[in-house]
Amino acid sequence: AVVSTQSTGGLNETVDLLVQRALYAEAEGLRKEFKLSDRKFWWLKARALAKARNWPELEKFAKGKKSPIGYKPFVDACIENCNKVEAVKYVERLPREQQVECYMDMDMPEKAAETARLARGSEELFERILSQVSAQNTGLRDKINAIRNNV
């Protein structure tokens, strides 16, 4: 299936469309023909697979070889497409400080606290976590402080 780059508004959109339609060889062919960088192609493919909600293929792609873009774009693509369960798979591949931020973005402050406890500079991370938890939510604040104090 040939898709014109003109009809879809450009190379990025065409690669996106091909990946969403599971036409991976065609997308790869365009990458080579138009000398699309590995970084750009990985970013486009990760976003397109998440947009298509093709979670098994996204995971296979992420595990295929070392990502030239890291794994934060995979996390972001999963979150943008409302799948925290998938996002967590990629969060675990990030440095701990980034993991804490991602867990907070996903509204998972307890998981963020558990991760912060294992990180360097954890006091600063705990302060950031607590700053995002409502003062009225004393139960959650107590849990986070218990994790902080290793109780």
Protein backbone atom coordinates (compact mmCIF):
# COMPACT_ATOMS: atom_id res chain seq x y z
CA ALA A 1 0.00 0.00 0.00
CA VAL A 2 1.59 3.21 -1.18
CA VAL A 3 0.73 6.41 0.62
CA SER A 4 1.68 9.71 -0.98
CA THR A 5 3.64 12.06 1.24
CA GLN A 6 1.73 14.95 -0.33
CA SER A 7 -1.73 13.62 0.56
CA THR A 8 -0.93 13.30 4.25
CA GLY A 9 0.88 16.60 4.70
CA GLY A 10 4.48 15.46 4.94
CA LEU A 11 6.96 12.77 5.74
CA ASN A 12 6.26 12.68 9.48
CA GLU A 13 2.54 12.24 8.95
CA THR A 14 3.14 9.55 6.33
CA VAL A 15 5.44 7.55 8.60
CA ASP A 16 2.87 7.97 11.39
CA LEU A 17 0.08 6.67 9.16
CA LEU A 18 2.10 3.72 7.87
CA VAL A 19 3.05 2.65 11.39
CA GLN A 20 -0.53 2.99 12.63
CA ARG A 21 -1.59 0.73 9.75
CA ALA A 22 1.14 -1.77 10.68
CA LEU A 23 3.01 -1.18 7.41
CA TYR A 24 6.39 -1.23 9.12
CA ALA A 25 8.49 -2.20 6.09
CA GLU A 26 7.03 0.71 4.13
CA ALA A 27 7.73 3.11 7.01
CA GLU A 28 11.29 1.79 7.22
CA GLY A 29 11.64 2.25 3.46
CA LEU A 30 10.65 5.91 3.75
CA ARG A 31 13.07 6.35 6.63
CA LYS A 32 15.91 5.13 4.42
CA GLU A 33 14.77 6.93 1.25
CA PHE A 34 14.43 10.30 2.98
CA LYS A 35 17.39 9.74 5.35
CA LEU A 36 15.25 10.22 8.46
CA SER A 37 17.50 10.07 11.53
CA ASP A 38 17.19 7.12 13.91
CA ARG A 39 16.13 9.50 16.69
CA LYS A 40 13.33 11.04 14.63
CA PHE A 41 12.14 7.69 13.31
CA TRP A 42 12.07 6.10 16.77
CA TRP A 43 10.15 9.05 18.16
CA LEU A 44 7.61 8.93 15.31
CA LYS A 45 7.20 5.15 15.49
CA ALA A 46 6.79 5.06 19.28
CA ARG A 47 4.10 7.77 19.14
CA ALA A 48 2.30 6.11 16.21
CA LEU A 49 2.27 2.67 17.85
CA ALA A 50 0.85 4.17 21.05
CA LYS A 51 -1.70 6.17 19.07
CA ALA A 52 -2.77 2.92 17.39
CA ARG A 53 -2.84 1.30 20.84
CA ASN A 54 -0.60 -1.44 19.51
CA TRP A 55 0.97 -2.12 22.91
CA PRO A 56 2.58 -5.49 22.06
CA GLU A 57 4.32 -3.98 19.02
CA LEU A 58 5.41 -0.94 21.05
CA GLU A 59 7.00 -3.21 23.64
CA LYS A 60 8.66 -5.32 20.93
CA PHE A 61 10.00 -2.14 19.31
CA ALA A 62 11.37 -0.83 22.62
CA LYS A 63 13.14 -4.13 23.30
CA GLY A 64 14.49 -4.57 19.76
CA LYS A 65 17.66 -2.59 20.30
CA LYS A 66 18.85 0.22 22.55
CA SER A 67 16.60 3.22 22.04
CA PRO A 68 18.43 6.24 20.59
CA ILE A 69 15.80 8.48 22.25
CA GLY A 70 15.74 6.84 25.67
CA TYR A 71 12.46 5.63 27.14
CA LYS A 72 10.82 8.88 28.28
CA PRO A 73 9.14 9.33 24.85
CA PHE A 74 7.65 5.84 25.27
CA VAL A 75 6.29 6.84 28.68
CA ASP A 76 4.88 10.08 27.29
CA ALA A 77 3.24 8.29 24.34
CA CYS A 78 1.56 5.78 26.66
CA ILE A 79 0.32 8.53 28.99
CA GLU A 80 -0.97 10.60 26.06
CA ASN A 81 -2.96 7.53 24.98
CA CYS A 82 -4.35 6.84 28.46
CA ASN A 83 -2.43 3.71 29.35
CA LYS A 84 -0.58 4.01 32.67
CA VAL A 85 -0.05 0.23 32.87
CA GLU A 86 2.00 0.31 29.66
CA ALA A 87 3.76 3.52 30.69
CA VAL A 88 5.07 1.88 33.88
CA LYS A 89 6.99 -0.68 31.77
CA TYR A 90 9.08 2.15 30.33
CA VAL A 91 9.25 4.26 33.50
CA GLU A 92 11.21 1.42 35.10
CA ARG A 93 13.92 1.85 32.44
CA LEU A 94 14.53 5.51 33.36
CA PRO A 95 16.93 6.95 35.95
CA ARG A 96 15.25 7.06 39.38
CA GLU A 97 14.88 10.83 39.44
CA GLN A 98 12.97 10.71 36.13
CA GLN A 99 10.93 7.78 37.41
CA VAL A 100 9.75 9.90 40.34
CA GLU A 101 8.67 12.69 37.98
CA CYS A 102 6.83 10.23 35.71
CA TYR A 103 5.01 8.61 38.61
CA MET A 104 3.92 12.06 39.77
CA ASP A 105 2.74 12.87 36.22
CA MET A 106 0.66 9.68 36.35
CA ASP A 107 -0.80 10.65 39.74
CA MET A 108 0.97 7.79 41.53
CA PRO A 109 2.55 9.61 44.51
CA GLU A 110 3.04 6.46 46.63
CA LYS A 111 4.99 4.77 43.83
CA ALA A 112 6.94 8.03 43.37
CA ALA A 113 7.80 7.99 47.08
CA GLU A 114 8.91 4.35 46.99
CA THR A 115 11.18 5.17 44.06
CA ALA A 116 12.48 8.37 45.69
CA ARG A 117 13.52 6.40 48.76
CA LEU A 118 15.96 4.45 46.55
CA ALA A 119 17.32 7.50 44.71
CA ARG A 120 20.21 9.82 45.45
CA GLY A 121 19.07 13.21 46.62
CA SER A 122 15.87 11.66 47.90
CA GLU A 123 15.11 14.50 50.33
CA GLU A 124 14.64 16.92 47.45
CA LEU A 125 12.49 14.36 45.62
CA PHE A 126 10.32 13.82 48.69
CA GLU A 127 9.84 17.57 49.03
CA ARG A 128 8.69 17.74 45.40
CA ILE A 129 6.30 14.83 45.92
CA LEU A 130 4.82 16.32 49.07
CA SER A 131 4.48 19.73 47.41
CA GLN A 132 2.14 18.13 44.87
CA VAL A 133 -0.02 16.33 47.44
CA SER A 134 -2.82 18.38 48.94
CA ALA A 135 -2.28 19.41 52.55
CA GLN A 136 -5.81 18.17 53.25
CA ASN A 137 -4.87 14.67 52.12
CA THR A 138 -3.26 13.77 55.43
CA GLY A 139 -3.59 10.03 54.89
CA LEU A 140 -1.54 10.10 51.70
CA ARG A 141 0.96 12.57 53.20
CA ASP A 142 1.39 10.23 56.19
CA LYS A 143 2.00 7.25 53.86
CA ILE A 144 4.60 9.22 51.91
CA ASN A 145 6.34 10.32 55.11
CA ALA A 146 6.31 6.73 56.36
CA ILE A 147 8.00 5.61 53.14
CA ARG A 148 10.45 8.54 53.49
CA ASN A 149 11.31 7.45 57.03
CA ASN A 150 11.52 3.81 55.93
CA VAL A 151 8.76 2.73 58.33
